[in-house]
C-alpha cells in the first residue's frame, strides 16, 4: 500500500482526502466530526486515480477523477458530488485516451463545475468542459498538439483561463475565453 499524499485538506470541514495505491487505487476520505473520539474513514471510489476536490459555498463537496481502463487504452473521466447529509452521486463525463494526472476542476460563482483535461494520448489535445444547467457537459477542444499539465482558473465573469505547457520545447501557453471567443495557444515565452 502506497499513499500518494494528501490531495486536499479541508480543516474547516474536518476532511482529509488522499489516494491509496495498491492492488486497486482507491480514493478515500477521512473525516473528523466534533464530539467524536476519532477520525472516520470512508472509501469513496475504488480503482480510481488523481482526485481533484473542491468545496462549494454551501459545503457540498465535488470531485473530479480519472479511471484507467486497461488494456483498452482509454480512460474515464468522472465527476462526483456529495451534498451535506447525502450519499455520493457520480457521473461519467467522457471516455477517451488520456494521460494521467493532467486534469483540473474549478467551480464558478454559481457552483457549476468547469474542467480541463488532456485527450488523444499521446498527442495530448487540450480540452475544456463545463456542466450546463440542464445537467449535460459541454466539452470542446481548445488546443491540439503536445500539451501538458493544464491549470484552470475563472475570472470575475466566470470566463475560463488555462495555463499549460505546450509542444516538446517546454513552452508555456495560455488560453482564455473572453465571453465570446477562445484565444488559444498563446506562447508566453515570446
N, C-alpha and C. Protein backbone atom coordinates (compact mmCIF):
# COMPACT_ATOMS: atom_id res chain seq x y z
N UNK A 1 0.84 -1.17 0.00
CA UNK A 1 0.00 0.00 0.00
C UNK A 1 0.89 1.24 0.00
N UNK A 2 0.64 2.13 -0.92
CA UNK A 2 1.39 3.38 -1.03
C UNK A 2 0.39 4.53 -1.02
N UNK A 3 0.62 5.49 -0.16
CA UNK A 3 -0.22 6.68 -0.16
C UNK A 3 0.44 7.69 -1.08
N UNK A 4 -0.33 8.21 -2.00
CA UNK A 4 0.24 9.18 -2.93
C UNK A 4 0.23 10.58 -2.35
N UNK A 5 -0.16 10.70 -1.11
CA UNK A 5 -0.14 12.01 -0.47
C UNK A 5 -1.53 12.56 -0.29
N UNK A 6 -1.60 13.50 0.58
CA UNK A 6 -2.88 14.14 0.85
C UNK A 6 -3.23 15.01 -0.35
N UNK A 7 -4.38 14.79 -0.93
CA UNK A 7 -4.81 15.53 -2.10
C UNK A 7 -5.45 16.85 -1.71
N UNK A 8 -6.15 16.86 -0.62
CA UNK A 8 -6.79 18.10 -0.17
C UNK A 8 -7.09 17.99 1.30
N UNK A 9 -6.84 19.03 2.03
CA UNK A 9 -7.23 19.07 3.43
C UNK A 9 -8.25 20.18 3.58
N UNK A 10 -9.33 19.85 4.23
CA UNK A 10 -10.39 20.82 4.45
C UNK A 10 -10.60 20.94 5.95
N UNK A 11 -9.71 21.63 6.66
CA UNK A 11 -9.78 21.64 8.11
C UNK A 11 -11.09 22.19 8.65
N UNK A 12 -11.67 23.15 7.97
CA UNK A 12 -12.92 23.73 8.47
C UNK A 12 -14.04 22.70 8.46
N UNK A 13 -13.96 21.76 7.52
CA UNK A 13 -14.97 20.70 7.45
C UNK A 13 -14.47 19.42 8.09
N UNK A 14 -13.21 19.39 8.55
CA UNK A 14 -12.66 18.19 9.17
C UNK A 14 -12.44 17.07 8.18
N UNK A 15 -12.03 17.37 6.96
CA UNK A 15 -11.83 16.35 5.93
C UNK A 15 -10.37 16.30 5.51
N UNK A 16 -9.92 15.10 5.17
CA UNK A 16 -8.60 14.88 4.60
C UNK A 16 -8.78 13.87 3.48
N UNK A 17 -8.35 14.21 2.26
CA UNK A 17 -8.51 13.34 1.10
C UNK A 17 -7.17 12.79 0.68
N UNK A 18 -7.16 11.55 0.24
CA UNK A 18 -5.93 11.01 -0.30
C UNK A 18 -6.23 9.85 -1.23
N UNK A 19 -5.23 9.51 -2.03
CA UNK A 19 -5.30 8.38 -2.94
C UNK A 19 -4.38 7.32 -2.39
N UNK A 20 -4.85 6.09 -2.32
CA UNK A 20 -4.06 4.97 -1.83
C UNK A 20 -3.82 4.02 -2.99
N UNK A 21 -2.56 3.74 -3.27
CA UNK A 21 -2.21 2.89 -4.40
C UNK A 21 -1.79 1.53 -3.88
N UNK A 22 -2.38 0.50 -4.41
CA UNK A 22 -2.06 -0.87 -4.06
C UNK A 22 -2.51 -1.74 -5.21
N UNK A 23 -3.15 -2.85 -4.88
CA UNK A 23 -3.68 -3.71 -5.94
C UNK A 23 -4.74 -2.95 -6.74
N UNK A 24 -5.56 -2.18 -6.05
CA UNK A 24 -6.51 -1.27 -6.68
C UNK A 24 -6.26 0.13 -6.13
N UNK A 25 -6.37 1.13 -6.96
CA UNK A 25 -6.25 2.50 -6.47
C UNK A 25 -7.57 2.92 -5.85
N UNK A 26 -7.50 3.58 -4.70
CA UNK A 26 -8.71 3.98 -4.01
C UNK A 26 -8.63 5.45 -3.63
N UNK A 27 -9.74 6.14 -3.72
CA UNK A 27 -9.84 7.50 -3.22
C UNK A 27 -10.58 7.40 -1.90
N UNK A 28 -9.96 7.95 -0.85
CA UNK A 28 -10.53 7.82 0.49
C UNK A 28 -10.70 9.19 1.11
N UNK A 29 -11.59 9.25 2.06
CA UNK A 29 -11.86 10.47 2.81
C UNK A 29 -11.82 10.12 4.29
N UNK A 30 -11.00 10.85 5.04
CA UNK A 30 -11.03 10.74 6.49
C UNK A 30 -11.74 11.98 7.00
N UNK A 31 -12.63 11.78 7.94
CA UNK A 31 -13.40 12.91 8.44
C UNK A 31 -13.35 12.92 9.95
N UNK A 32 -13.13 14.09 10.50
CA UNK A 32 -13.18 14.28 11.94
C UNK A 32 -14.45 15.03 12.26
N UNK A 33 -15.28 14.44 13.09
CA UNK A 33 -16.54 15.06 13.48
C UNK A 33 -16.40 15.52 14.93
N UNK A 34 -16.65 16.78 15.17
CA UNK A 34 -16.53 17.33 16.52
C UNK A 34 -17.42 16.51 17.46
N UNK A 35 -16.86 16.13 18.60
CA UNK A 35 -17.60 15.33 19.57
C UNK A 35 -17.37 13.84 19.42
N UNK A 36 -16.77 13.42 18.31
CA UNK A 36 -16.46 12.01 18.10
C UNK A 36 -15.03 11.76 18.57
N UNK A 37 -14.73 10.55 19.06
CA UNK A 37 -13.40 10.30 19.62
C UNK A 37 -12.30 10.14 18.58
N UNK A 38 -12.63 9.88 17.32
CA UNK A 38 -11.57 9.63 16.33
C UNK A 38 -12.06 9.99 14.93
N UNK A 39 -11.12 9.90 13.99
CA UNK A 39 -11.43 10.12 12.58
C UNK A 39 -12.20 8.93 12.04
N UNK A 40 -13.12 9.16 11.11
CA UNK A 40 -13.79 8.06 10.40
C UNK A 40 -13.21 8.01 8.99
N UNK A 41 -13.10 6.80 8.45
CA UNK A 41 -12.50 6.58 7.14
C UNK A 41 -13.55 6.01 6.20
N UNK A 42 -13.72 6.65 5.06
CA UNK A 42 -14.66 6.18 4.04
C UNK A 42 -13.91 5.92 2.75
N UNK A 43 -14.17 4.78 2.13
CA UNK A 43 -13.69 4.54 0.77
C UNK A 43 -14.71 5.15 -0.16
N UNK A 44 -14.29 6.12 -0.95
CA UNK A 44 -15.21 6.84 -1.82
C UNK A 44 -15.30 6.15 -3.17
N UNK A 45 -14.16 5.90 -3.79
CA UNK A 45 -14.12 5.30 -5.12
C UNK A 45 -13.00 4.28 -5.14
N UNK A 46 -13.27 3.11 -5.72
CA UNK A 46 -12.25 2.09 -5.86
C UNK A 46 -11.80 2.04 -7.31
N UNK A 47 -10.52 1.82 -7.51
CA UNK A 47 -9.89 1.73 -8.83
C UNK A 47 -9.99 3.06 -9.58
N UNK A 48 -9.65 4.14 -8.89
CA UNK A 48 -9.70 5.48 -9.47
C UNK A 48 -8.39 6.21 -9.17
N UNK A 49 -8.13 7.25 -9.92
CA UNK A 49 -6.86 7.97 -9.79
C UNK A 49 -7.05 9.48 -9.84
N UNK A 50 -6.08 10.17 -9.28
CA UNK A 50 -5.87 11.61 -9.45
C UNK A 50 -7.07 12.47 -9.06
N UNK A 51 -7.56 12.35 -7.83
CA UNK A 51 -8.73 13.14 -7.44
C UNK A 51 -8.41 14.63 -7.31
N UNK A 52 -9.34 15.44 -7.77
CA UNK A 52 -9.32 16.88 -7.55
C UNK A 52 -10.59 17.18 -6.76
N UNK A 53 -10.46 17.83 -5.62
CA UNK A 53 -11.58 18.06 -4.72
C UNK A 53 -11.83 19.56 -4.60
N UNK A 54 -13.10 19.95 -4.64
CA UNK A 54 -13.50 21.35 -4.43
C UNK A 54 -14.72 21.36 -3.51
N UNK A 55 -14.84 22.42 -2.73
CA UNK A 55 -15.98 22.57 -1.83
C UNK A 55 -16.79 23.78 -2.27
N UNK A 56 -18.09 23.58 -2.41
CA UNK A 56 -18.99 24.66 -2.81
C UNK A 56 -19.27 25.57 -1.62
N UNK A 57 -19.83 26.72 -1.89
CA UNK A 57 -20.13 27.70 -0.85
C UNK A 57 -21.02 27.13 0.25
N UNK A 58 -21.90 26.20 -0.09
CA UNK A 58 -22.83 25.63 0.88
C UNK A 58 -22.29 24.38 1.57
N UNK A 59 -21.02 24.03 1.34
CA UNK A 59 -20.42 22.86 1.97
C UNK A 59 -20.50 21.60 1.15
N UNK A 60 -21.21 21.63 0.03
CA UNK A 60 -21.28 20.47 -0.86
C UNK A 60 -19.89 20.21 -1.43
N UNK A 61 -19.50 18.95 -1.50
CA UNK A 61 -18.17 18.58 -1.99
C UNK A 61 -18.31 18.03 -3.40
N UNK A 62 -17.42 18.47 -4.29
CA UNK A 62 -17.39 17.92 -5.65
C UNK A 62 -16.00 17.37 -5.93
N UNK A 63 -15.94 16.38 -6.81
CA UNK A 63 -14.69 15.69 -7.08
C UNK A 63 -14.61 15.31 -8.55
N UNK A 64 -13.45 15.50 -9.14
CA UNK A 64 -13.14 15.06 -10.50
C UNK A 64 -12.04 14.02 -10.37
N UNK A 65 -12.18 12.90 -11.08
CA UNK A 65 -11.15 11.86 -11.02
C UNK A 65 -11.15 11.07 -12.31
N UNK A 66 -10.12 10.26 -12.46
CA UNK A 66 -9.90 9.50 -13.69
C UNK A 66 -9.82 8.02 -13.36
N UNK A 67 -10.39 7.18 -14.22
CA UNK A 67 -10.29 5.73 -14.09
C UNK A 67 -9.56 5.20 -15.31
N UNK A 68 -8.48 4.45 -15.08
CA UNK A 68 -7.74 3.83 -16.18
C UNK A 68 -8.45 2.57 -16.62
N UNK A 69 -8.70 2.44 -17.92
CA UNK A 69 -9.37 1.26 -18.48
C UNK A 69 -8.34 0.43 -19.24
N UNK A 70 -7.55 -0.35 -18.49
CA UNK A 70 -6.55 -1.21 -19.13
C UNK A 70 -7.21 -2.51 -19.52
N UNK A 71 -6.86 -3.15 -20.58
CA UNK A 71 -5.84 -2.77 -21.56
C UNK A 71 -6.42 -1.99 -22.74
N UNK A 72 -7.58 -1.42 -22.59
CA UNK A 72 -8.27 -0.76 -23.71
C UNK A 72 -7.63 0.56 -24.14
N UNK A 73 -6.66 1.06 -23.39
CA UNK A 73 -6.01 2.34 -23.69
C UNK A 73 -6.98 3.51 -23.72
N UNK A 74 -8.01 3.42 -22.91
CA UNK A 74 -8.91 4.56 -22.73
C UNK A 74 -9.03 4.83 -21.24
N UNK A 75 -9.47 6.00 -20.91
CA UNK A 75 -9.66 6.40 -19.53
C UNK A 75 -11.03 7.04 -19.41
N UNK A 76 -11.61 6.92 -18.25
CA UNK A 76 -12.92 7.50 -18.00
C UNK A 76 -12.75 8.66 -17.03
N UNK A 77 -13.26 9.81 -17.40
CA UNK A 77 -13.25 10.99 -16.54
C UNK A 77 -14.61 11.07 -15.86
N UNK A 78 -14.60 11.12 -14.52
CA UNK A 78 -15.85 11.09 -13.76
C UNK A 78 -15.93 12.29 -12.83
N UNK A 79 -17.16 12.67 -12.54
CA UNK A 79 -17.44 13.77 -11.63
C UNK A 79 -18.37 13.25 -10.54
N UNK A 80 -18.03 13.57 -9.31
CA UNK A 80 -18.87 13.16 -8.19
C UNK A 80 -19.24 14.36 -7.34
N UNK A 81 -20.38 14.23 -6.67
CA UNK A 81 -20.86 15.31 -5.81
C UNK A 81 -21.50 14.71 -4.57
N UNK A 82 -21.27 15.36 -3.43
CA UNK A 82 -21.86 14.91 -2.17
C UNK A 82 -22.38 16.12 -1.43
N UNK A 83 -23.68 16.19 -1.35
CA UNK A 83 -24.30 17.26 -0.58
C UNK A 83 -24.29 16.87 0.89
N UNK A 84 -24.33 17.84 1.77
CA UNK A 84 -24.28 17.57 3.21
C UNK A 84 -25.43 16.65 3.59
N UNK A 85 -25.09 15.57 4.28
CA UNK A 85 -26.09 14.61 4.74
C UNK A 85 -26.56 13.63 3.69
N UNK A 86 -26.04 13.70 2.49
CA UNK A 86 -26.45 12.82 1.39
C UNK A 86 -25.32 11.88 1.01
N UNK A 87 -25.62 10.90 0.16
CA UNK A 87 -24.62 9.99 -0.38
C UNK A 87 -23.99 10.59 -1.62
N UNK A 88 -22.83 10.06 -1.99
CA UNK A 88 -22.17 10.48 -3.22
C UNK A 88 -22.99 10.08 -4.43
N UNK A 89 -23.02 10.94 -5.44
CA UNK A 89 -23.54 10.58 -6.76
C UNK A 89 -22.42 10.83 -7.77
N UNK A 90 -22.31 9.94 -8.76
CA UNK A 90 -21.23 10.02 -9.73
C UNK A 90 -21.79 9.98 -11.14
N UNK A 91 -21.10 10.62 -12.06
CA UNK A 91 -21.48 10.58 -13.46
C UNK A 91 -20.22 10.51 -14.32
N UNK A 92 -20.36 9.87 -15.47
CA UNK A 92 -19.27 9.81 -16.43
C UNK A 92 -19.33 11.04 -17.32
N UNK A 93 -18.21 11.74 -17.44
CA UNK A 93 -18.14 12.90 -18.32
C UNK A 93 -17.76 12.45 -19.73
N UNK A 94 -16.71 11.65 -19.84
CA UNK A 94 -16.24 11.18 -21.14
C UNK A 94 -15.32 9.98 -20.95
N UNK A 95 -15.18 9.20 -22.00
CA UNK A 95 -14.20 8.12 -22.04
C UNK A 95 -13.34 8.34 -23.27
N UNK A 96 -12.06 8.61 -23.05
CA UNK A 96 -11.11 8.92 -24.12
C UNK A 96 -9.74 8.40 -23.71
N UNK A 97 -8.79 8.54 -24.59
CA UNK A 97 -7.40 8.21 -24.26
C UNK A 97 -6.77 9.44 -23.61
N UNK A 98 -6.43 9.33 -22.30
CA UNK A 98 -5.92 10.48 -21.56
C UNK A 98 -4.64 10.11 -20.82
N UNK A 99 -3.68 11.03 -20.74
CA UNK A 99 -2.53 10.80 -19.86
C UNK A 99 -2.96 11.02 -18.41
N UNK A 100 -2.27 10.42 -17.49
CA UNK A 100 -2.63 10.55 -16.08
C UNK A 100 -2.22 11.88 -15.47
N UNK A 101 -2.88 12.23 -14.38
CA UNK A 101 -2.58 13.40 -13.56
C UNK A 101 -2.68 14.72 -14.30
N UNK A 102 -3.44 14.79 -15.36
CA UNK A 102 -3.48 16.03 -16.13
C UNK A 102 -4.92 16.51 -16.28
N UNK A 103 -5.55 16.70 -15.12
CA UNK A 103 -6.93 17.18 -15.05
C UNK A 103 -6.99 18.30 -14.02
N UNK A 104 -8.00 19.16 -14.15
CA UNK A 104 -8.21 20.20 -13.15
C UNK A 104 -9.70 20.52 -13.08
N UNK A 105 -10.13 21.02 -11.95
CA UNK A 105 -11.53 21.33 -11.67
C UNK A 105 -11.62 22.64 -10.92
N UNK A 106 -12.54 23.52 -11.33
CA UNK A 106 -12.86 24.73 -10.57
C UNK A 106 -14.38 24.88 -10.57
N UNK A 107 -14.87 25.64 -9.61
CA UNK A 107 -16.30 25.93 -9.51
C UNK A 107 -16.51 27.41 -9.77
N UNK A 108 -17.56 27.73 -10.53
CA UNK A 108 -17.84 29.14 -10.80
C UNK A 108 -18.66 29.75 -9.67
N UNK A 109 -19.06 31.00 -9.84
CA UNK A 109 -19.78 31.72 -8.78
C UNK A 109 -21.15 31.12 -8.48
N UNK A 110 -21.66 30.27 -9.37
CA UNK A 110 -22.93 29.57 -9.13
C UNK A 110 -22.71 28.11 -8.77
N UNK A 111 -21.47 27.74 -8.43
CA UNK A 111 -21.07 26.37 -8.08
C UNK A 111 -21.18 25.39 -9.23
N UNK A 112 -21.17 25.87 -10.46
CA UNK A 112 -21.14 24.97 -11.62
C UNK A 112 -19.71 24.54 -11.87
N UNK A 113 -19.48 23.24 -12.15
CA UNK A 113 -18.12 22.77 -12.38
C UNK A 113 -17.60 23.10 -13.77
N UNK A 114 -16.32 23.43 -13.82
CA UNK A 114 -15.58 23.64 -15.06
C UNK A 114 -14.34 22.76 -14.97
N UNK A 115 -13.99 22.09 -16.07
CA UNK A 115 -12.86 21.17 -16.05
C UNK A 115 -11.93 21.44 -17.22
N UNK A 116 -10.71 21.00 -17.07
CA UNK A 116 -9.75 20.99 -18.16
C UNK A 116 -9.02 19.65 -18.07
N UNK A 117 -8.71 19.08 -19.24
CA UNK A 117 -8.01 17.80 -19.27
C UNK A 117 -7.34 17.64 -20.62
N UNK A 118 -6.46 16.65 -20.69
CA UNK A 118 -5.79 16.33 -21.94
C UNK A 118 -6.39 15.06 -22.51
N UNK A 119 -6.49 14.99 -23.84
CA UNK A 119 -7.11 13.87 -24.52
C UNK A 119 -6.27 13.47 -25.72
N UNK A 120 -6.64 12.34 -26.32
CA UNK A 120 -5.99 11.87 -27.54
C UNK A 120 -4.52 11.56 -27.28
N UNK A 121 -4.25 10.85 -26.18
CA UNK A 121 -2.88 10.48 -25.82
C UNK A 121 -2.28 9.62 -26.92
N UNK A 122 -1.05 9.83 -27.38
CA UNK A 122 -0.03 10.69 -26.79
C UNK A 122 0.02 12.10 -27.38
N UNK A 123 -0.94 12.49 -28.22
CA UNK A 123 -0.94 13.84 -28.80
C UNK A 123 -1.25 14.91 -27.76
N UNK A 124 -2.06 14.56 -26.76
CA UNK A 124 -2.37 15.45 -25.64
C UNK A 124 -3.07 16.75 -26.06
N UNK A 125 -4.22 16.60 -26.70
CA UNK A 125 -5.04 17.76 -27.04
C UNK A 125 -5.63 18.35 -25.76
N UNK A 126 -5.66 19.67 -25.67
CA UNK A 126 -6.21 20.37 -24.51
C UNK A 126 -7.72 20.50 -24.68
N UNK A 127 -8.47 20.03 -23.68
CA UNK A 127 -9.93 20.13 -23.72
C UNK A 127 -10.44 20.85 -22.48
N UNK A 128 -11.54 21.56 -22.69
CA UNK A 128 -12.21 22.30 -21.63
C UNK A 128 -13.67 21.85 -21.61
N UNK A 129 -14.24 21.79 -20.42
CA UNK A 129 -15.65 21.44 -20.32
C UNK A 129 -16.32 22.17 -19.17
N UNK A 130 -17.62 22.35 -19.33
CA UNK A 130 -18.43 22.92 -18.25
C UNK A 130 -19.77 22.21 -18.25
N UNK A 131 -20.36 22.15 -17.06
CA UNK A 131 -21.65 21.49 -16.94
C UNK A 131 -22.75 22.52 -17.16
N UNK A 132 -23.66 22.21 -18.07
CA UNK A 132 -24.77 23.10 -18.40
C UNK A 132 -25.86 23.01 -17.34
N UNK A 133 -26.75 23.98 -17.32
CA UNK A 133 -27.83 24.00 -16.34
C UNK A 133 -28.78 22.81 -16.49
N UNK A 134 -28.81 22.19 -17.69
CA UNK A 134 -29.67 21.02 -17.89
C UNK A 134 -28.97 19.72 -17.47
N UNK A 135 -27.75 19.83 -16.92
CA UNK A 135 -27.04 18.65 -16.43
C UNK A 135 -26.12 17.99 -17.43
N UNK A 136 -26.09 18.46 -18.68
CA UNK A 136 -25.19 17.88 -19.68
C UNK A 136 -23.85 18.62 -19.64
N UNK A 137 -22.83 17.95 -20.17
CA UNK A 137 -21.50 18.55 -20.22
C UNK A 137 -21.23 19.09 -21.62
N UNK A 138 -20.68 20.28 -21.69
CA UNK A 138 -20.24 20.89 -22.94
C UNK A 138 -18.72 20.76 -22.99
N UNK A 139 -18.21 19.86 -23.84
CA UNK A 139 -16.78 19.62 -23.97
C UNK A 139 -16.28 20.15 -25.29
N UNK A 140 -15.14 20.81 -25.29
CA UNK A 140 -14.59 21.36 -26.53
C UNK A 140 -13.07 21.29 -26.52
N UNK A 141 -12.52 21.04 -27.70
CA UNK A 141 -11.08 21.04 -27.87
C UNK A 141 -10.60 22.48 -28.01
N UNK A 142 -9.61 22.85 -27.19
CA UNK A 142 -9.09 24.22 -27.19
C UNK A 142 -7.80 24.32 -27.99
N UNK A 143 -6.91 23.35 -27.82
CA UNK A 143 -5.61 23.39 -28.50
C UNK A 143 -5.18 21.96 -28.79
N UNK A 144 -4.77 21.70 -30.02
CA UNK A 144 -4.30 20.37 -30.39
C UNK A 144 -2.78 20.33 -30.34
N UNK A 145 -2.26 19.15 -30.19
CA UNK A 145 -0.81 19.02 -30.18
C UNK A 145 -0.29 18.63 -28.82
N UNK A 146 0.99 18.72 -28.67
CA UNK A 146 1.67 18.25 -27.46
C UNK A 146 1.49 19.24 -26.32
N UNK A 147 0.47 19.05 -25.50
CA UNK A 147 0.19 19.93 -24.38
C UNK A 147 0.37 19.15 -23.07
N UNK A 148 0.66 19.87 -22.00
CA UNK A 148 0.96 19.22 -20.73
C UNK A 148 0.46 20.05 -19.55
N UNK A 149 0.08 19.38 -18.48
CA UNK A 149 -0.19 19.93 -17.16
C UNK A 149 -1.04 21.21 -17.17
N UNK A 150 -2.29 21.11 -17.59
CA UNK A 150 -3.15 22.29 -17.61
C UNK A 150 -3.59 22.71 -16.21
N UNK A 151 -3.73 24.00 -16.04
CA UNK A 151 -4.24 24.57 -14.80
C UNK A 151 -5.33 25.57 -15.17
N UNK A 152 -6.46 25.50 -14.47
CA UNK A 152 -7.65 26.26 -14.83
C UNK A 152 -8.04 27.22 -13.72
N UNK A 153 -8.37 28.45 -14.08
CA UNK A 153 -8.98 29.42 -13.16
C UNK A 153 -10.10 30.13 -13.91
N UNK A 154 -11.00 30.74 -13.15
CA UNK A 154 -12.08 31.54 -13.73
C UNK A 154 -11.91 32.98 -13.28
N UNK A 155 -12.22 33.91 -14.17
CA UNK A 155 -12.14 35.32 -13.80
C UNK A 155 -13.44 35.76 -13.12
N UNK A 156 -13.56 37.03 -12.83
CA UNK A 156 -14.73 37.54 -12.10
C UNK A 156 -16.03 37.41 -12.89
N UNK A 157 -15.94 37.17 -14.20
CA UNK A 157 -17.12 36.93 -15.04
C UNK A 157 -17.33 35.44 -15.31
N UNK A 158 -16.63 34.59 -14.58
CA UNK A 158 -16.68 33.13 -14.74
C UNK A 158 -16.17 32.66 -16.10
N UNK A 159 -15.34 33.45 -16.76
CA UNK A 159 -14.71 33.03 -18.01
C UNK A 159 -13.44 32.24 -17.68
N UNK A 160 -13.21 31.12 -18.41
CA UNK A 160 -12.06 30.28 -18.11
C UNK A 160 -10.75 30.83 -18.67
N UNK A 161 -9.69 30.61 -17.90
CA UNK A 161 -8.31 30.93 -18.28
C UNK A 161 -7.49 29.68 -17.99
N UNK A 162 -6.71 29.23 -18.96
CA UNK A 162 -5.97 27.98 -18.83
C UNK A 162 -4.49 28.25 -19.10
N UNK A 163 -3.66 27.82 -18.19
CA UNK A 163 -2.21 27.87 -18.36
C UNK A 163 -1.74 26.44 -18.53
N UNK A 164 -0.86 26.19 -19.51
CA UNK A 164 -0.43 24.81 -19.78
C UNK A 164 0.89 24.80 -20.52
N UNK A 165 1.59 23.70 -20.40
CA UNK A 165 2.82 23.50 -21.16
C UNK A 165 2.46 23.11 -22.58
N UNK A 166 3.26 23.58 -23.54
CA UNK A 166 2.96 23.28 -24.93
C UNK A 166 4.17 22.82 -25.70
N UNK A 167 3.92 21.95 -26.67
CA UNK A 167 4.94 21.41 -27.56
C UNK A 167 6.04 20.70 -26.77
N UNK A 168 7.00 20.21 -27.48
CA UNK A 168 8.08 19.48 -26.81
C UNK A 168 9.22 20.40 -26.42
N UNK A 169 9.07 21.70 -26.64
CA UNK A 169 10.13 22.65 -26.34
C UNK A 169 9.96 23.33 -24.99
N UNK A 170 9.17 22.72 -24.11
CA UNK A 170 8.94 23.27 -22.77
C UNK A 170 8.40 24.70 -22.82
N UNK A 171 7.47 24.95 -23.71
CA UNK A 171 6.86 26.27 -23.84
C UNK A 171 5.73 26.43 -22.82
N UNK A 172 5.48 27.64 -22.43
CA UNK A 172 4.37 27.96 -21.55
C UNK A 172 3.28 28.62 -22.38
N UNK A 173 2.09 28.00 -22.40
CA UNK A 173 0.99 28.51 -23.22
C UNK A 173 -0.17 28.98 -22.35
N UNK A 174 -0.98 29.85 -22.94
CA UNK A 174 -2.12 30.43 -22.25
C UNK A 174 -3.31 30.45 -23.21
N UNK A 175 -4.46 30.06 -22.71
CA UNK A 175 -5.71 30.14 -23.48
C UNK A 175 -6.78 30.76 -22.58
N UNK A 176 -7.67 31.53 -23.19
CA UNK A 176 -8.76 32.09 -22.40
C UNK A 176 -9.98 32.31 -23.29
N UNK A 177 -11.13 32.41 -22.62
CA UNK A 177 -12.40 32.70 -23.28
C UNK A 177 -12.85 34.06 -22.77
N UNK A 178 -13.14 34.99 -23.69
CA UNK A 178 -13.49 36.36 -23.29
C UNK A 178 -14.99 36.58 -23.17
N UNK A 179 -15.76 35.51 -23.22
CA UNK A 179 -17.21 35.62 -23.19
C UNK A 179 -17.83 35.44 -24.56
N UNK A 180 -17.00 35.55 -25.61
CA UNK A 180 -17.47 35.40 -26.98
C UNK A 180 -16.64 34.40 -27.77
N UNK A 181 -15.32 34.46 -27.62
CA UNK A 181 -14.41 33.62 -28.41
C UNK A 181 -13.27 33.10 -27.55
N UNK A 182 -12.71 31.98 -28.02
CA UNK A 182 -11.50 31.43 -27.41
C UNK A 182 -10.27 32.02 -28.08
N UNK A 183 -9.26 32.30 -27.28
CA UNK A 183 -7.93 32.68 -27.74
C UNK A 183 -6.99 31.64 -27.15
N UNK A 184 -6.38 30.81 -28.02
CA UNK A 184 -5.63 29.67 -27.51
C UNK A 184 -4.22 29.64 -28.07
N UNK A 185 -3.40 28.86 -27.41
CA UNK A 185 -2.04 28.62 -27.89
C UNK A 185 -1.13 29.82 -27.80
N UNK A 186 -1.46 30.78 -26.95
CA UNK A 186 -0.62 31.96 -26.82
C UNK A 186 0.66 31.56 -26.10
N UNK A 187 1.78 31.67 -26.79
CA UNK A 187 3.06 31.29 -26.22
C UNK A 187 3.57 32.45 -25.37
N UNK A 188 3.63 32.24 -24.06
CA UNK A 188 4.03 33.31 -23.15
C UNK A 188 5.53 33.55 -23.13
N UNK A 189 6.28 32.72 -23.84
CA UNK A 189 7.73 32.88 -23.83
C UNK A 189 8.22 33.71 -25.01
N UNK A 190 7.32 34.16 -25.86
CA UNK A 190 7.71 35.02 -26.99
C UNK A 190 7.59 36.48 -26.63
